[in-house]
N, C-alpha and C. Protein backbone atom coordinates (compact mmCIF):
# COMPACT_ATOMS: atom_id res chain seq x y z
N MET A 1 106.97 64.92 110.58
CA MET A 1 107.05 65.86 109.60
C MET A 1 105.66 66.61 109.96
N THR A 2 104.71 66.37 110.06
CA THR A 2 103.68 66.80 110.38
C THR A 2 103.60 67.84 111.73
N ASN A 3 104.45 66.96 112.86
CA ASN A 3 104.34 67.89 113.98
C ASN A 3 105.39 68.99 113.90
N ILE A 4 106.42 69.00 113.00
CA ILE A 4 107.45 70.31 113.06
C ILE A 4 106.75 70.93 112.12
N PHE A 5 105.89 70.79 111.35
CA PHE A 5 105.19 71.80 110.38
C PHE A 5 103.81 72.62 111.43
N SER A 6 103.22 72.09 112.23
CA SER A 6 102.19 72.06 113.21
C SER A 6 103.04 73.19 114.14
N ARG A 7 104.39 72.66 114.78
CA ARG A 7 104.81 73.66 115.57
C ARG A 7 105.30 74.73 115.19
N LEU A 8 105.81 74.77 113.86
CA LEU A 8 105.99 76.29 113.40
C LEU A 8 105.21 77.17 112.94
N VAL A 9 103.83 76.72 112.78
CA VAL A 9 102.43 77.40 112.58
C VAL A 9 102.03 78.07 114.01
N LYS A 10 102.28 77.33 114.94
CA LYS A 10 101.70 77.78 116.13
C LYS A 10 102.74 78.72 116.91
N GLU A 11 103.95 78.52 116.66
CA GLU A 11 105.26 79.56 117.61
C GLU A 11 104.80 81.10 116.82
N GLU A 12 104.75 81.73 118.06
CA GLU A 12 104.41 83.29 117.58
C GLU A 12 105.69 84.20 118.03
N GLN A 13 106.44 83.70 118.90
CA GLN A 13 107.37 84.57 119.36
C GLN A 13 108.36 85.30 118.48
N GLY A 14 108.79 84.93 117.51
CA GLY A 14 109.30 85.64 116.36
C GLY A 14 108.66 86.58 115.67
N GLN A 15 107.39 86.08 115.66
CA GLN A 15 106.51 87.27 114.75
C GLN A 15 106.36 88.66 116.06
N GLY A 16 106.48 88.39 117.26
CA GLY A 16 106.50 89.59 118.24
C GLY A 16 107.72 90.38 117.71
N MET A 17 108.77 89.84 117.67
CA MET A 17 109.83 90.47 117.44
C MET A 17 110.16 91.40 116.05
N THR A 18 109.31 90.48 115.09
CA THR A 18 109.23 91.34 113.62
C THR A 18 108.58 92.31 113.86
N GLU A 19 107.33 92.30 114.40
CA GLU A 19 106.48 93.61 114.66
C GLU A 19 107.24 94.88 115.27
N TYR A 20 108.12 94.46 116.53
CA TYR A 20 108.79 95.41 117.04
C TYR A 20 109.95 96.01 116.11
N GLY A 21 110.49 95.48 115.37
CA GLY A 21 111.39 95.87 114.27
C GLY A 21 110.81 96.80 113.25
N LEU A 22 109.75 96.25 112.73
CA LEU A 22 108.79 96.87 112.06
C LEU A 22 108.68 98.32 112.40
N ILE A 23 108.19 98.36 113.84
CA ILE A 23 107.67 99.74 114.30
C ILE A 23 109.05 100.51 114.69
N LEU A 24 109.80 100.03 114.94
CA LEU A 24 111.38 100.96 115.45
C LEU A 24 111.82 101.12 113.58
N GLY A 25 111.85 100.75 112.64
CA GLY A 25 112.08 100.94 111.39
C GLY A 25 111.10 102.29 111.16
N LEU A 26 109.88 102.12 111.39
CA LEU A 26 108.97 103.17 110.92
C LEU A 26 109.24 104.45 111.71
N VAL A 27 109.43 104.41 113.04
CA VAL A 27 109.75 105.66 113.92
C VAL A 27 110.99 106.08 113.30
N ALA A 28 112.09 105.33 113.01
CA ALA A 28 113.11 105.79 112.63
C ALA A 28 113.21 106.61 111.29
N LEU A 29 112.49 105.90 110.32
CA LEU A 29 112.03 106.81 109.02
C LEU A 29 111.17 107.99 109.36
N ALA A 30 110.43 108.11 110.27
CA ALA A 30 109.67 109.41 110.58
C ALA A 30 110.35 110.21 110.80
N ALA A 31 111.51 110.14 111.83
CA ALA A 31 112.49 110.79 112.64
C ALA A 31 113.39 111.54 111.36
N VAL A 32 113.85 110.81 110.60
CA VAL A 32 114.82 111.10 109.40
C VAL A 32 113.77 111.85 108.60
N VAL A 33 112.66 111.64 108.08
CA VAL A 33 111.71 112.61 107.39
C VAL A 33 111.67 114.03 107.89
N ALA A 34 111.36 114.03 109.14
CA ALA A 34 110.99 115.21 109.76
C ALA A 34 112.34 116.20 110.09
N LEU A 35 113.40 115.44 110.38
CA LEU A 35 114.45 116.23 110.47
C LEU A 35 115.05 116.78 108.76
N THR A 36 114.87 116.12 108.23
CA THR A 36 115.30 116.63 106.66
C THR A 36 114.62 117.81 106.49
N THR A 37 113.30 117.64 106.50
CA THR A 37 112.29 118.52 106.11
C THR A 37 112.19 120.02 106.92
N MET A 38 112.48 119.81 108.46
CA MET A 38 112.82 120.93 109.31
C MET A 38 114.04 121.34 109.80
N GLY A 39 115.12 120.70 109.06
CA GLY A 39 116.35 120.97 109.37
C GLY A 39 116.76 122.36 109.15
N GLY A 40 116.79 122.82 108.28
CA GLY A 40 117.35 124.31 107.80
C GLY A 40 116.55 125.07 108.93
N SER A 41 115.36 125.04 108.86
CA SER A 41 114.86 126.27 110.08
C SER A 41 115.27 125.78 111.50
N ILE A 42 115.43 124.74 112.03
CA ILE A 42 116.10 124.17 113.30
C ILE A 42 117.22 124.94 113.45
N SER A 43 117.96 124.61 112.34
CA SER A 43 119.42 125.11 112.59
C SER A 43 119.38 126.62 112.49
N ALA A 44 118.73 127.36 111.73
CA ALA A 44 118.48 129.03 111.90
C ALA A 44 118.15 129.02 113.21
N LYS A 45 117.07 128.65 113.67
CA LYS A 45 116.78 128.84 115.09
C LYS A 45 117.95 128.86 116.00
N PHE A 46 118.80 127.77 115.93
CA PHE A 46 119.99 127.41 116.90
C PHE A 46 120.74 128.79 116.89
N ASN A 47 121.26 128.95 115.66
CA ASN A 47 121.95 130.06 115.25
C ASN A 47 121.52 131.43 115.70
N GLU A 48 120.35 131.84 115.65
CA GLU A 48 119.83 132.63 116.59
C GLU A 48 119.90 133.14 117.85
N ILE A 49 119.55 131.69 118.67
CA ILE A 49 119.89 131.65 119.92
C ILE A 49 121.27 132.01 120.28
N ILE A 50 122.22 131.07 119.71
CA ILE A 50 123.33 131.37 119.79
C ILE A 50 123.97 132.79 119.78
N SER A 51 123.84 133.46 118.65
CA SER A 51 123.89 134.95 118.51
C SER A 51 123.46 135.58 119.51
N LYS A 52 122.23 135.41 119.95
CA LYS A 52 121.64 136.09 121.04
C LYS A 52 122.52 136.11 122.41
N LEU A 53 122.75 134.66 122.70
CA LEU A 53 123.65 134.58 123.76
C LEU A 53 125.21 135.03 123.89
N GLN A 54 125.54 135.33 122.82
CA GLN A 54 127.21 135.85 122.48
C GLN A 54 126.84 137.41 122.53
N GLY A 55 125.47 138.04 122.32
CA GLY A 55 125.38 139.40 122.22
C GLY A 55 125.32 140.07 120.92
N THR A 56 125.27 139.18 120.13
CA THR A 56 125.28 139.99 118.66
C THR A 56 123.97 139.61 118.01
N SER A 57 123.66 140.43 117.37
CA SER A 57 122.30 139.79 116.31
C SER A 57 122.37 139.76 115.03
N THR A 58 121.62 138.65 114.53
CA THR A 58 121.57 138.42 112.89
C THR A 58 120.41 139.03 112.60
N THR A 59 119.19 139.62 113.16
CA THR A 59 118.19 139.72 112.38
C THR A 59 118.26 141.35 111.87
N ASN A 60 117.81 141.49 110.80
CA ASN A 60 117.59 143.13 110.42
C ASN A 60 116.31 144.00 110.58
N GLY A 61 116.31 143.52 111.94
CA GLY A 61 115.13 144.89 112.49
C GLY A 61 115.38 145.04 113.86
């Protein structure tokens, strides 16, 4: 019983995978927050580019 417990304490392979999972989750969360915050301005910029490529203008100036 003591041997099993000491082996579980020493094993670190699962710990590394957990850390990678947490990092991946934080990166995904940051991407979602950034796209949610800047989504409107990014969409407006793409629409402006599309209209310029088509030869029409959406600006009032």
